[in-house]
Amino acid sequence: MRIGILTGGGDCPGLNAVIRAITRKGIQEGDNILGILHGWKGMLTSQHEELTLRAVSGLIHKGGTILHTTRTNPFKEDGGGEKVLSTFKRLSLDALIAIGGEDTLGVANRLYTEFGFPVVGVPKTIDNDLSGTDFTFGFDTAVTIATEAIDRLHTTAESHDRVMVVEVMGRHTGWIATYSGLAGGADVILIPEKPFNLDRVAEVISIRHARGKNFSIVVVAEGAQMEEGGGEALVKQGEEVDEFGHVRLGGIGHFLAQELESRTGFETRVTVLGHVQRGGSPTAHDRILATRFGVKAHDLVKEGRFGTMAALIGNRVDAVSLEEAVRELKTVDMDLYGIAEIFFG
């Protein structure tokens, strides 16, 4: 078979491990593997390169993606779906493996549903918010990076008697914030799933300091929402949206730091981890999970099980439908968040 691979959306530690696994498994079985460059944009403009054993050698520990990535949505262009099909035929492909999150796999699902496109998905997102899979690769790496940052901030916060606000990624869900905050011993964790009251957060910190603790760590997801007159409000960097309708978030950490210092009188500083969470080498966990996903995705192609996605269910890698995977976001388990709340203050 002639199988294409693309990586779409944000970059993520472990992407190269998936590419490596698919390529090696495919070549062992006599397949030709074609890398589509720049995500779905490459399927509109026919940007591609042949993937060989040499091309994927030594990739398992490298972050980013050798195929590059964009947030291109082919359905934002007139006749975009048909153009993808045209490129697919022109490149003489038999199947495509799309590696990405809700947006990339949403396109894959629409192509499969509307055109019968022979596509298989691999779940990729540091946010861990894809339904149908217990974990996505990249999440463990992001949590590890955030936890290490929180550990380091503990010592400087205690030295200076400061409140430290740590802003982590998490547009719609607070998985990174919850896991890293719980692992790092945060005193408050704020997530999109549970709108927060500024006065209540300030009260928690004030009570903590009244007990003799001279510092506090607050972890906040970039998409955390504040209560405002019974409604909810996001802190955004602007109103411009990308091709999938997402606004650019960021700034909640700085806003929160100013408000908490004003309300408590305690010196407050903010650290925004941003794209640091996406970069660098994947953890051993993510390297292994990404490899298992890549091998499973190739198996699904060979079995003709299109319109599916490799998924981790318990400790087993199996297949779920793309429709199920992108139907809704997987939000934070509130039982887990409840455990984190035990340690607030």
C-alpha atoms as a PDB file:
ATOM      1  CA  MET A   1       0.000   0.000   0.000  1.00  0.00           C
ATOM      2  CA  ARG A   2       0.946   3.674  -0.361  1.00  0.00           C
ATOM      3  CA  ILE A   3       0.116   5.400   2.919  1.00  0.00           C
ATOM      4  CA  GLY A   4       0.259   9.107   3.689  1.00  0.00           C
ATOM      5  CA  ILE A   5       0.899  10.645   7.130  1.00  0.00           C
ATOM      6  CA  LEU A   6       0.172  14.184   8.262  1.00  0.00           C
ATOM      7  CA  THR A   7       0.463  16.063  11.554  1.00  0.00           C
ATOM      8  CA  GLY A   8      -1.950  18.928  12.162  1.00  0.00           C
ATOM      9  CA  GLY A   9      -2.657  21.518  14.842  1.00  0.00           C
ATOM     10  CA  GLY A  10      -0.225  22.387  17.615  1.00  0.00           C
ATOM     11  CA  ASP A  11       3.079  20.549  17.797  1.00  0.00           C
ATOM     12  CA  CYS A  12       3.447  17.987  20.545  1.00  0.00           C
ATOM     13  CA  PRO A  13       6.202  15.818  22.059  1.00  0.00           C
ATOM     14  CA  GLY A  14       5.818  12.320  20.611  1.00  0.00           C
ATOM     15  CA  LEU A  15       4.743  13.234  17.078  1.00  0.00           C
ATOM     16  CA  ASN A  16       8.028  12.056  15.616  1.00  0.00           C
ATOM     17  CA  ALA A  17       7.736   8.786  17.531  1.00  0.00           C
ATOM     18  CA  VAL A  18       4.388   8.123  15.812  1.00  0.00           C
ATOM     19  CA  ILE A  19       5.825   8.963  12.384  1.00  0.00           C
ATOM     20  CA  ARG A  20       8.761   6.640  13.076  1.00  0.00           C
ATOM     21  CA  ALA A  21       6.514   3.771  14.192  1.00  0.00           C
ATOM     22  CA  ILE A  22       4.187   3.990  11.180  1.00  0.00           C
ATOM     23  CA  THR A  23       7.082   4.250   8.750  1.00  0.00           C
ATOM     24  CA  ARG A  24       9.087   1.363  10.159  1.00  0.00           C
ATOM     25  CA  LYS A  25       6.043  -0.906  10.478  1.00  0.00           C
ATOM     26  CA  GLY A  26       4.914   0.011   6.975  1.00  0.00           C
ATOM     27  CA  ILE A  27       8.268  -0.543   5.303  1.00  0.00           C
ATOM     28  CA  GLN A  28       8.623  -3.906   7.070  1.00  0.00           C
ATOM     29  CA  GLU A  29       5.343  -4.920   5.438  1.00  0.00           C
ATOM     30  CA  GLY A  30       6.311  -3.652   2.001  1.00  0.00           C
ATOM     31  CA  ASP A  31       4.373  -0.362   2.079  1.00  0.00           C
ATOM     32  CA  ASN A  32       5.473   2.999   0.701  1.00  0.00           C
ATOM     33  CA  ILE A  33       5.094   5.808   3.248  1.00  0.00           C
ATOM     34  CA  LEU A  34       4.583   9.418   2.164  1.00  0.00           C
ATOM     35  CA  GLY A  35       4.872  12.332   4.570  1.00  0.00           C
ATOM     36  CA  ILE A  36       2.370  15.135   3.916  1.00  0.00           C
ATOM     37  CA  LEU A  37       3.935  18.455   4.919  1.00  0.00           C
ATOM     38  CA  HIS A  38       2.241  21.222   6.937  1.00  0.00           C
ATOM     39  CA  GLY A  39      -0.868  19.308   7.985  1.00  0.00           C
ATOM     40  CA  TRP A  40      -4.049  19.611   5.933  1.00  0.00           C
ATOM     41  CA  LYS A  41      -2.421  22.474   4.033  1.00  0.00           C
ATOM     42  CA  GLY A  42      -0.182  19.872   2.404  1.00  0.00           C
ATOM     43  CA  MET A  43      -3.247  18.015   1.149  1.00  0.00           C
ATOM     44  CA  LEU A  44      -4.443  21.211  -0.513  1.00  0.00           C
ATOM     45  CA  THR A  45      -1.091  22.123  -2.080  1.00  0.00           C
ATOM     46  CA  SER A  46       0.432  18.655  -2.591  1.00  0.00           C
ATOM     47  CA  GLN A  47       3.466  19.277  -0.360  1.00  0.00           C
ATOM     48  CA  HIS A  48       5.032  15.945   0.490  1.00  0.00           C
ATOM     49  CA  GLU A  49       8.169  13.843   0.828  1.00  0.00           C
ATOM     50  CA  GLU A  50       8.948  10.138   0.816  1.00  0.00           C
ATOM     51  CA  LEU A  51       9.658   8.672   4.259  1.00  0.00           C
ATOM     52  CA  THR A  52      12.457   6.127   4.425  1.00  0.00           C
ATOM     53  CA  LEU A  53      14.150   4.241   7.250  1.00  0.00           C
ATOM     54  CA  ARG A  54      16.950   6.794   7.141  1.00  0.00           C
ATOM     55  CA  ALA A  55      14.464   9.669   7.342  1.00  0.00           C
ATOM     56  CA  VAL A  56      12.960   8.375  10.605  1.00  0.00           C
ATOM     57  CA  SER A  57      16.167   7.104  12.181  1.00  0.00           C
ATOM     58  CA  GLY A  58      16.856   8.598  15.627  1.00  0.00           C
ATOM     59  CA  LEU A  59      13.492  10.344  15.869  1.00  0.00           C
ATOM     60  CA  ILE A  60      11.964   8.759  18.959  1.00  0.00           C
ATOM     61  CA  HIS A  61      13.504  11.243  21.410  1.00  0.00           C
ATOM     62  CA  LYS A  62      13.046  14.385  19.323  1.00  0.00           C
ATOM     63  CA  GLY A  63      10.245  16.876  19.972  1.00  0.00           C
ATOM     64  CA  GLY A  64       8.254  18.688  17.299  1.00  0.00           C
ATOM     65  CA  THR A  65       7.388  17.079  13.965  1.00  0.00           C
ATOM     66  CA  ILE A  66       9.612  16.528  10.936  1.00  0.00           C
ATOM     67  CA  LEU A  67       6.479  16.923   8.777  1.00  0.00           C
ATOM     68  CA  HIS A  68       5.771  20.405  10.172  1.00  0.00           C
ATOM     69  CA  THR A  69       2.264  21.503  11.044  1.00  0.00           C
ATOM     70  CA  THR A  70      -0.378  24.186  10.519  1.00  0.00           C
ATOM     71  CA  ARG A  71      -3.885  24.883  11.751  1.00  0.00           C
ATOM     72  CA  THR A  72      -5.271  24.761   8.218  1.00  0.00           C
ATOM     73  CA  ASN A  73      -8.923  23.784   7.848  1.00  0.00           C
ATOM     74  CA  PRO A  74      -9.539  22.632   4.252  1.00  0.00           C
ATOM     75  CA  PHE A  75     -13.285  23.152   4.659  1.00  0.00           C
ATOM     76  CA  LYS A  76     -12.718  26.905   5.058  1.00  0.00           C
ATOM     77  CA  GLU A  77     -11.748  26.967   1.379  1.00  0.00           C
ATOM     78  CA  ASP A  78     -14.291  26.601  -1.415  1.00  0.00           C
ATOM     79  CA  GLY A  79     -14.138  23.033  -2.652  1.00  0.00           C
ATOM     80  CA  GLY A  80     -11.542  22.185  -0.008  1.00  0.00           C
ATOM     81  CA  GLY A  81     -12.819  18.669   0.505  1.00  0.00           C
ATOM     82  CA  GLU A  82     -12.669  17.953  -3.205  1.00  0.00           C
ATOM     83  CA  LYS A  83      -9.129  19.391  -3.382  1.00  0.00           C
ATOM     84  CA  VAL A  84      -7.995  17.012  -0.636  1.00  0.00           C
ATOM     85  CA  LEU A  85      -9.467  14.109  -2.602  1.00  0.00           C
ATOM     86  CA  SER A  86      -7.773  15.317  -5.768  1.00  0.00           C
ATOM     87  CA  THR A  87      -4.376  15.470  -4.073  1.00  0.00           C
ATOM     88  CA  PHE A  88      -4.968  12.038  -2.561  1.00  0.00           C
ATOM     89  CA  LYS A  89      -5.563  10.573  -6.013  1.00  0.00           C
ATOM     90  CA  ARG A  90      -2.715  12.511  -7.645  1.00  0.00           C
ATOM     91  CA  LEU A  91      -0.268  11.115  -5.074  1.00  0.00           C
ATOM     92  CA  SER A  92      -1.635   7.590  -5.697  1.00  0.00           C
ATOM     93  CA  LEU A  93      -2.358   7.095  -2.002  1.00  0.00           C
ATOM     94  CA  ASP A  94      -4.365   4.166  -0.685  1.00  0.00           C
ATOM     95  CA  ALA A  95      -4.908   5.603   2.806  1.00  0.00           C
ATOM     96  CA  LEU A  96      -4.049   8.545   5.043  1.00  0.00           C
ATOM     97  CA  ILE A  97      -3.155   8.587   8.734  1.00  0.00           C
ATOM     98  CA  ALA A  98      -4.001  11.922  10.369  1.00  0.00           C
ATOM     99  CA  ILE A  99      -2.259  12.688  13.661  1.00  0.00           C
ATOM    100  CA  GLY A 100      -3.865  15.502  15.629  1.00  0.00           C
ATOM    101  CA  GLY A 101      -6.380  16.768  18.113  1.00  0.00           C
ATOM    102  CA  GLU A 102     -10.052  17.685  17.925  1.00  0.00           C
ATOM    103  CA  ASP A 103      -9.650  20.001  14.912  1.00  0.00           C
ATOM    104  CA  THR A 104      -7.375  17.822  12.789  1.00  0.00           C
ATOM    105  CA  LEU A 105      -9.416  14.695  13.518  1.00  0.00           C
ATOM    106  CA  GLY A 106     -12.648  16.641  13.051  1.00  0.00           C
ATOM    107  CA  VAL A 107     -11.568  17.288   9.465  1.00  0.00           C
ATOM    108  CA  ALA A 108     -10.649  13.613   9.084  1.00  0.00           C
ATOM    109  CA  ASN A 109     -14.059  12.546  10.360  1.00  0.00           C
ATOM    110  CA  ARG A 110     -15.866  14.922   8.000  1.00  0.00           C
ATOM    111  CA  LEU A 111     -13.844  13.666   5.031  1.00  0.00           C
ATOM    112  CA  TYR A 112     -14.687  10.085   5.966  1.00  0.00           C
ATOM    113  CA  THR A 113     -18.367  10.825   6.569  1.00  0.00           C
ATOM    114  CA  GLU A 114     -18.992  12.991   3.518  1.00  0.00           C
ATOM    115  CA  PHE A 115     -16.598  11.471   0.975  1.00  0.00           C
ATOM    116  CA  GLY A 116     -15.829   7.969   2.242  1.00  0.00           C
ATOM    117  CA  PHE A 117     -12.206   9.088   2.580  1.00  0.00           C
ATOM    118  CA  PRO A 118      -9.897   6.210   3.687  1.00  0.00           C
ATOM    119  CA  VAL A 119      -8.475   7.803   6.830  1.00  0.00           C
ATOM    120  CA  VAL A 120      -7.333   6.602  10.253  1.00  0.00           C
ATOM    121  CA  GLY A 121      -6.648   8.919  13.192  1.00  0.00           C
ATOM    122  CA  VAL A 122      -4.054   9.111  15.961  1.00  0.00           C
ATOM    123  CA  PRO A 123      -4.951  11.217  19.039  1.00  0.00           C
ATOM    124  CA  LYS A 124      -2.442  13.968  19.742  1.00  0.00           C
ATOM    125  CA  THR A 125      -2.881  16.806  22.218  1.00  0.00           C
ATOM    126  CA  ILE A 126      -1.090  17.947  25.335  1.00  0.00           C
ATOM    127  CA  ASP A 127      -4.529  18.948  26.679  1.00  0.00           C
ATOM    128  CA  ASN A 128      -5.704  15.292  26.946  1.00  0.00           C
ATOM    129  CA  ASP A 129      -9.207  16.419  25.964  1.00  0.00           C
ATOM    130  CA  LEU A 130     -10.096  13.910  23.236  1.00  0.00           C
ATOM    131  CA  SER A 131     -12.997  11.580  23.955  1.00  0.00           C
ATOM    132  CA  GLY A 132     -12.591   7.900  23.214  1.00  0.00           C
ATOM    133  CA  THR A 133      -9.068   7.599  24.613  1.00  0.00           C
ATOM    134  CA  ASP A 134      -8.004   7.577  28.254  1.00  0.00           C
ATOM    135  CA  PHE A 135      -4.806   9.477  27.477  1.00  0.00           C
ATOM    136  CA  THR A 136      -3.213  11.229  24.525  1.00  0.00           C
ATOM    137  CA  PHE A 137       0.526  11.320  23.972  1.00  0.00           C
ATOM    138  CA  GLY A 138       2.132  14.663  24.787  1.00  0.00           C
ATOM    139  CA  PHE A 139       0.051  15.097  27.924  1.00  0.00           C
ATOM    140  CA  ASP A 140       2.488  13.322  30.224  1.00  0.00           C
ATOM    141  CA  THR A 141       5.362  15.431  28.898  1.00  0.00           C
ATOM    142  CA  ALA A 142       3.439  18.684  29.387  1.00  0.00           C
ATOM    143  CA  VAL A 143       2.473  17.698  32.933  1.00  0.00           C
ATOM    144  CA  THR A 144       6.068  16.755  33.743  1.00  0.00           C
ATOM    145  CA  ILE A 145       7.353  20.115  32.472  1.00  0.00           C
ATOM    146  CA  ALA A 146       4.689  22.050  34.391  1.00  0.00           C
ATOM    147  CA  THR A 147       5.284  20.075  37.579  1.00  0.00           C
ATOM    148  CA  GLU A 148       9.014  20.740  37.434  1.00  0.00           C
ATOM    149  CA  ALA A 149       8.319  24.460  36.992  1.00  0.00           C
ATOM    150  CA  ILE A 150       5.996  24.450  40.010  1.00  0.00           C
ATOM    151  CA  ASP A 151       8.645  22.641  42.074  1.00  0.00           C
ATOM    152  CA  ARG A 152      11.181  25.324  41.184  1.00  0.00           C
ATOM    153  CA  LEU A 153       8.772  28.143  41.953  1.00  0.00           C
ATOM    154  CA  HIS A 154       8.134  26.750  45.442  1.00  0.00           C
ATOM    155  CA  THR A 155      11.651  27.630  46.592  1.00  0.00           C
ATOM    156  CA  THR A 156      11.716  31.170  45.216  1.00  0.00           C
ATOM    157  CA  ALA A 157       8.177  31.847  46.450  1.00  0.00           C
ATOM    158  CA  GLU A 158       9.111  30.762  49.966  1.00  0.00           C
ATOM    159  CA  SER A 159      12.344  32.748  49.895  1.00  0.00           C
ATOM    160  CA  HIS A 160      10.568  35.998  48.980  1.00  0.00           C
ATOM    161  CA  ASP A 161       7.267  35.470  50.837  1.00  0.00           C
ATOM    162  CA  ARG A 162       5.378  35.729  47.569  1.00  0.00           C
ATOM    163  CA  VAL A 163       2.283  34.387  45.880  1.00  0.00           C
ATOM    164  CA  MET A 164       3.259  32.702  42.615  1.00  0.00           C
ATOM    165  CA  VAL A 165       0.702  32.352  39.827  1.00  0.00           C
ATOM    166  CA  VAL A 166       1.559  29.717  37.211  1.00  0.00           C
ATOM    167  CA  GLU A 167      -0.387  29.874  33.930  1.00  0.00           C
ATOM    168  CA  VAL A 168      -0.451  26.587  32.020  1.00  0.00           C
ATOM    169  CA  MET A 169      -2.089  25.565  28.764  1.00  0.00           C
ATOM    170  CA  GLY A 170      -5.661  24.308  28.664  1.00  0.00           C
ATOM    171  CA  ARG A 171      -8.117  26.066  26.366  1.00  0.00           C
ATOM    172  CA  HIS A 172     -11.309  24.236  27.246  1.00  0.00           C
ATOM    173  CA  THR A 173     -10.166  21.715  29.820  1.00  0.00           C
ATOM    174  CA  GLY A 174      -7.940  21.765  32.876  1.00  0.00           C
ATOM    175  CA  TRP A 175      -6.173  18.420  32.699  1.00  0.00           C
ATOM    176  CA  ILE A 176      -2.651  19.896  32.720  1.00  0.00           C
ATOM    177  CA  ALA A 177      -3.512  22.306  35.519  1.00  0.00           C
ATOM    178  CA  THR A 178      -5.148  19.607  37.643  1.00  0.00           C
ATOM    179  CA  TYR A 179      -2.423  16.997  37.215  1.00  0.00           C
ATOM    180  CA  SER A 180       0.556  19.354  37.553  1.00  0.00           C
ATOM    181  CA  GLY A 181      -1.068  21.319  40.360  1.00  0.00           C
ATOM    182  CA  LEU A 182      -1.828  18.172  42.325  1.00  0.00           C
ATOM    183  CA  ALA A 183       1.638  16.729  41.686  1.00  0.00           C
ATOM    184  CA  GLY A 184       3.360  20.021  42.470  1.00  0.00           C
ATOM    185  CA  GLY A 185       1.472  20.743  45.674  1.00  0.00           C
ATOM    186  CA  ALA A 186      -0.357  23.837  44.426  1.00  0.00           C
ATOM    187  CA  ASP A 187      -2.473  25.705  46.968  1.00  0.00           C
ATOM    188  CA  VAL A 188      -5.157  26.669  44.428  1.00  0.00           C
ATOM    189  CA  ILE A 189      -5.929  25.163  41.002  1.00  0.00           C
ATOM    190  CA  LEU A 190      -8.260  26.999  38.608  1.00  0.00           C
ATOM    191  CA  ILE A 191      -9.679  25.207  35.562  1.00  0.00           C
ATOM    192  CA  PRO A 192     -12.163  25.973  32.744  1.00  0.00           C
ATOM    193  CA  GLU A 193     -14.622  23.364  34.009  1.00  0.00           C
ATOM    194  CA  LYS A 194     -15.227  25.242  37.264  1.00  0.00           C
ATOM    195  CA  PRO A 195     -15.629  29.055  37.062  1.00  0.00           C
ATOM    196  CA  PHE A 196     -13.952  30.746  40.005  1.00  0.00           C
ATOM    197  CA  ASN A 197     -14.716  33.691  42.259  1.00  0.00           C
ATOM    198  CA  LEU A 198     -11.790  36.079  42.730  1.00  0.00           C
ATOM    199  CA  ASP A 199     -12.788  37.014  46.266  1.00  0.00           C
ATOM    200  CA  ARG A 200     -12.975  33.353  47.264  1.00  0.00           C
ATOM    201  CA  VAL A 201      -9.504  32.649  45.824  1.00  0.00           C
ATOM    202  CA  ALA A 202      -8.113  35.646  47.699  1.00  0.00           C
ATOM    203  CA  GLU A 203      -9.797  34.416  50.883  1.00  0.00           C
ATOM    204  CA  VAL A 204      -8.194  30.971  50.565  1.00  0.00           C
ATOM    205  CA  ILE A 205      -4.763  32.559  50.223  1.00  0.00           C
ATOM    206  CA  SER A 206      -5.346  34.994  53.114  1.00  0.00           C
ATOM    207  CA  ILE A 207      -6.466  32.173  55.422  1.00  0.00           C
ATOM    208  CA  ARG A 208      -3.402  30.154  54.429  1.00  0.00           C
ATOM    209  CA  HIS A 209      -1.093  33.068  55.262  1.00  0.00           C
ATOM    210  CA  ALA A 210      -2.914  33.684  58.537  1.00  0.00           C
ATOM    211  CA  ARG A 211      -1.987  30.110  59.494  1.00  0.00           C
ATOM    212  CA  GLY A 212       1.670  31.039  59.160  1.00  0.00           C
ATOM    213  CA  LYS A 213       2.375  30.054  55.562  1.00  0.00           C
ATOM    214  CA  ASN A 214       4.273  32.919  53.968  1.00  0.00           C
ATOM    215  CA  PHE A 215       3.883  31.869  50.338  1.00  0.00           C
ATOM    216  CA  SER A 216       1.277  30.341  48.006  1.00  0.00           C
ATOM    217  CA  ILE A 217       1.251  28.658  44.587  1.00  0.00           C
ATOM    218  CA  VAL A 218      -1.742  29.206  42.290  1.00  0.00           C
ATOM    219  CA  VAL A 219      -1.981  27.140  39.077  1.00  0.00           C
ATOM    220  CA  VAL A 220      -4.407  28.422  36.461  1.00  0.00           C
ATOM    221  CA  ALA A 221      -5.316  27.029  33.032  1.00  0.00           C
ATOM    222  CA  GLU A 222      -5.278  29.631  30.256  1.00  0.00           C
ATOM    223  CA  GLY A 223      -8.973  28.990  29.596  1.00  0.00           C
ATOM    224  CA  ALA A 224     -10.101  29.259  33.226  1.00  0.00           C
ATOM    225  CA  GLN A 225     -13.297  31.277  33.523  1.00  0.00           C
ATOM    226  CA  MET A 226     -14.227  33.832  36.113  1.00  0.00           C
ATOM    227  CA  GLU A 227     -17.665  34.321  37.543  1.00  0.00           C
ATOM    228  CA  GLU A 228     -19.044  37.674  36.441  1.00  0.00           C
ATOM    229  CA  GLY A 229     -22.563  38.651  37.358  1.00  0.00           C
ATOM    230  CA  GLY A 230     -23.816  35.109  36.943  1.00  0.00           C
ATOM    231  CA  GLY A 231     -22.016  34.769  33.605  1.00  0.00           C
ATOM    232  CA  GLU A 232     -18.551  33.662  32.594  1.00  0.00           C
ATOM    233  CA  ALA A 233     -15.644  35.536  31.052  1.00  0.00           C
ATOM    234  CA  LEU A 234     -12.429  34.485  29.311  1.00  0.00           C
ATOM    235  CA  VAL A 235      -9.206  36.480  29.204  1.00  0.00           C
ATOM    236  CA  LYS A 236      -8.268  36.737  25.521  1.00  0.00           C
ATOM    237  CA  GLN A 237      -5.391  38.279  23.595  1.00  0.00           C
ATOM    238  CA  GLY A 238      -7.786  39.529  20.935  1.00  0.00           C
ATOM    239  CA  GLU A 239     -10.952  38.755  19.024  1.00  0.00           C
ATOM    240  CA  GLU A 240      -9.280  37.282  15.943  1.00  0.00           C
ATOM    241  CA  VAL A 241     -10.029  33.583  15.421  1.00  0.00           C
ATOM    242  CA  ASP A 242      -8.126  30.840  13.591  1.00  0.00           C
ATOM    243  CA  GLU A 243      -9.579  28.638  10.825  1.00  0.00           C
ATOM    244  CA  PHE A 244     -11.289  26.454  13.406  1.00  0.00           C
ATOM    245  CA  GLY A 245     -12.924  29.393  15.187  1.00  0.00           C
ATOM    246  CA  HIS A 246     -10.595  29.534  18.206  1.00  0.00           C
ATOM    247  CA  VAL A 247      -9.638  32.841  19.776  1.00  0.00           C
ATOM    248  CA  ARG A 248      -6.103  33.251  21.100  1.00  0.00           C
ATOM    249  CA  LEU A 249      -6.147  32.849  24.861  1.00  0.00           C
ATOM    250  CA  GLY A 250      -3.542  34.006  27.364  1.00  0.00           C
ATOM    251  CA  GLY A 251      -3.219  36.639  30.045  1.00  0.00           C
ATOM    252  CA  ILE A 252      -5.335  35.106  32.781  1.00  0.00           C
ATOM    253  CA  GLY A 253      -2.175  34.651  34.878  1.00  0.00           C
ATOM    254  CA  HIS A 254      -1.236  38.347  34.778  1.00  0.00           C
ATOM    255  CA  PHE A 255      -4.800  39.426  35.456  1.00  0.00           C
ATOM    256  CA  LEU A 256      -5.085  37.031  38.370  1.00  0.00           C
ATOM    257  CA  ALA A 257      -1.766  38.141  39.873  1.00  0.00           C
ATOM    258  CA  GLN A 258      -2.818  41.801  39.843  1.00  0.00           C
ATOM    259  CA  GLU A 259      -6.205  41.065  41.366  1.00  0.00           C
ATOM    260  CA  LEU A 260      -4.844  38.785  44.086  1.00  0.00           C
ATOM    261  CA  GLU A 261      -2.158  41.276  45.117  1.00  0.00           C
ATOM    262  CA  SER A 262      -4.795  44.008  45.265  1.00  0.00           C
ATOM    263  CA  ARG A 263      -7.145  41.882  47.369  1.00  0.00           C
ATOM    264  CA  THR A 264      -4.618  40.269  49.728  1.00  0.00           C
ATOM    265  CA  GLY A 265      -1.781  42.766  49.905  1.00  0.00           C
ATOM    266  CA  PHE A 266       0.702  39.956  49.303  1.00  0.00           C
ATOM    267  CA  GLU A 267       3.424  40.468  46.704  1.00  0.00           C
ATOM    268  CA  THR A 268       2.460  38.362  43.683  1.00  0.00           C
ATOM    269  CA  ARG A 269       4.377  37.248  40.604  1.00  0.00           C
ATOM    270  CA  VAL A 270       3.296  35.314  37.516  1.00  0.00           C
ATOM    271  CA  THR A 271       4.996  32.710  35.343  1.00  0.00           C
ATOM    272  CA  VAL A 272       3.449  31.814  31.984  1.00  0.00           C
ATOM    273  CA  LEU A 273       4.778  28.466  30.771  1.00  0.00           C
ATOM    274  CA  GLY A 274       3.220  28.739  27.308  1.00  0.00           C
ATOM    275  CA  HIS A 275       4.888  26.810  24.506  1.00  0.00           C
ATOM    276  CA  VAL A 276       7.592  25.471  26.805  1.00  0.00           C
ATOM    277  CA  GLN A 277       5.022  22.776  27.588  1.00  0.00           C
ATOM    278  CA  ARG A 278       4.975  21.702  23.929  1.00  0.00           C
ATOM    279  CA  GLY A 279       8.715  21.637  23.320  1.00  0.00           C
ATOM    280  CA  GLY A 280      11.630  19.358  23.978  1.00  0.00           C
ATOM    281  CA  SER A 281      11.955  15.602  24.253  1.00  0.00           C
ATOM    282  CA  PRO A 282       8.915  13.490  25.132  1.00  0.00           C
ATOM    283  CA  THR A 283       8.902  11.487  28.357  1.00  0.00           C
ATOM    284  CA  ALA A 284       9.450   7.735  28.217  1.00  0.00           C
ATOM    285  CA  HIS A 285       5.684   7.286  28.761  1.00  0.00           C
ATOM    286  CA  ASP A 286       4.830   9.433  25.741  1.00  0.00           C
ATOM    287  CA  ARG A 287       7.472   7.795  23.539  1.00  0.00           C
ATOM    288  CA  ILE A 288       5.998   4.380  24.246  1.00  0.00           C
ATOM    289  CA  LEU A 289       2.362   5.497  23.914  1.00  0.00           C
ATOM    290  CA  ALA A 290       3.089   7.301  20.644  1.00  0.00           C
ATOM    291  CA  THR A 291       4.857   4.213  19.293  1.00  0.00           C
ATOM    292  CA  ARG A 292       1.940   1.965  20.247  1.00  0.00           C
ATOM    293  CA  PHE A 293      -0.504   4.376  18.596  1.00  0.00           C
ATOM    294  CA  GLY A 294       1.576   4.465  15.405  1.00  0.00           C
ATOM    295  CA  VAL A 295       1.744   0.686  15.129  1.00  0.00           C
ATOM    296  CA  LYS A 296      -2.007   0.386  15.806  1.00  0.00           C
ATOM    297  CA  ALA A 297      -2.842   3.052  13.222  1.00  0.00           C
ATOM    298  CA  HIS A 298      -0.901   1.130  10.578  1.00  0.00           C
ATOM    299  CA  ASP A 299      -2.706  -2.064  11.564  1.00  0.00           C
ATOM    300  CA  LEU A 300      -6.073  -0.315  11.176  1.00  0.00           C
ATOM    301  CA  VAL A 301      -5.113   0.844   7.689  1.00  0.00           C
ATOM    302  CA  LYS A 302      -4.070  -2.642   6.648  1.00  0.00           C
ATOM    303  CA  GLU A 303      -7.324  -4.041   8.029  1.00  0.00           C
ATOM    304  CA  GLY A 304      -9.330  -1.431   6.101  1.00  0.00           C
ATOM    305  CA  ARG A 305     -10.905  -0.077   9.305  1.00  0.00           C
ATOM    306  CA  PHE A 306     -11.182   3.500   8.093  1.00  0.00           C
ATOM    307  CA  GLY A 307     -13.023   6.215  10.012  1.00  0.00           C
ATOM    308  CA  THR A 308     -11.422   4.966  13.232  1.00  0.00           C
ATOM    309  CA  MET A 309      -8.790   6.232  15.657  1.00  0.00           C
ATOM    310  CA  ALA A 310      -6.192   4.410  17.732  1.00  0.00           C
ATOM    311  CA  ALA A 311      -7.126   4.836  21.398  1.00  0.00           C
ATOM    312  CA  LEU A 312      -5.820   3.878  24.823  1.00  0.00           C
ATOM    313  CA  ILE A 313      -8.533   2.107  26.797  1.00  0.00           C
ATOM    314  CA  GLY A 314      -7.226   1.012  30.145  1.00  0.00           C
ATOM    315  CA  ASN A 315      -3.818  -0.369  29.205  1.00  0.00           C
ATOM    316  CA  ARG A 316      -4.973  -1.664  25.809  1.00  0.00           C
ATOM    317  CA  VAL A 317      -4.595   0.169  22.509  1.00  0.00           C
ATOM    318  CA  ASP A 318      -7.754  -0.392  20.499  1.00  0.00           C
ATOM    319  CA  ALA A 319      -9.888   1.374  17.885  1.00  0.00           C
ATOM    320  CA  VAL A 320     -12.767   3.806  18.356  1.00  0.00           C
ATOM    321  CA  SER A 321     -14.708   5.668  15.689  1.00  0.00           C
ATOM    322  CA  LEU A 322     -13.547   9.147  14.724  1.00  0.00           C
ATOM    323  CA  GLU A 323     -17.106  10.299  15.261  1.00  0.00           C
ATOM    324  CA  GLU A 324     -16.958   9.197  18.889  1.00  0.00           C
ATOM    325  CA  ALA A 325     -13.501  10.697  19.344  1.00  0.00           C
ATOM    326  CA  VAL A 326     -14.503  14.219  18.254  1.00  0.00           C
ATOM    327  CA  ARG A 327     -18.139  14.262  19.383  1.00  0.00           C
ATOM    328  CA  GLU A 328     -17.355  16.136  22.592  1.00  0.00           C
ATOM    329  CA  LEU A 329     -14.377  17.247  24.637  1.00  0.00           C
ATOM    330  CA  LYS A 330     -13.247  15.100  27.528  1.00  0.00           C
ATOM    331  CA  THR A 331     -13.381  17.351  30.561  1.00  0.00           C
ATOM    332  CA  VAL A 332     -11.587  16.935  33.877  1.00  0.00           C
ATOM    333  CA  ASP A 333     -12.885  14.184  36.137  1.00  0.00           C
ATOM    334  CA  MET A 334     -14.379  16.196  38.990  1.00  0.00           C
ATOM    335  CA  ASP A 335     -13.649  13.375  41.430  1.00  0.00           C
ATOM    336  CA  LEU A 336      -9.973  13.931  40.679  1.00  0.00           C
ATOM    337  CA  TYR A 337     -10.384  17.685  41.029  1.00  0.00           C
ATOM    338  CA  GLY A 338     -12.122  17.045  44.346  1.00  0.00           C
ATOM    339  CA  ILE A 339      -9.004  15.248  45.560  1.00  0.00           C
ATOM    340  CA  ALA A 340      -6.928  18.284  44.537  1.00  0.00           C
ATOM    341  CA  GLU A 341      -9.288  20.582  46.482  1.00  0.00           C
ATOM    342  CA  ILE A 342      -8.476  18.733  49.705  1.00  0.00           C
ATOM    343  CA  PHE A 343      -5.049  20.333  49.550  1.00  0.00           C
ATOM    344  CA  PHE A 344      -6.145  23.893  48.703  1.00  0.00           C
ATOM    345  CA  GLY A 345      -5.058  26.541  51.179  1.00  0.00           C
END
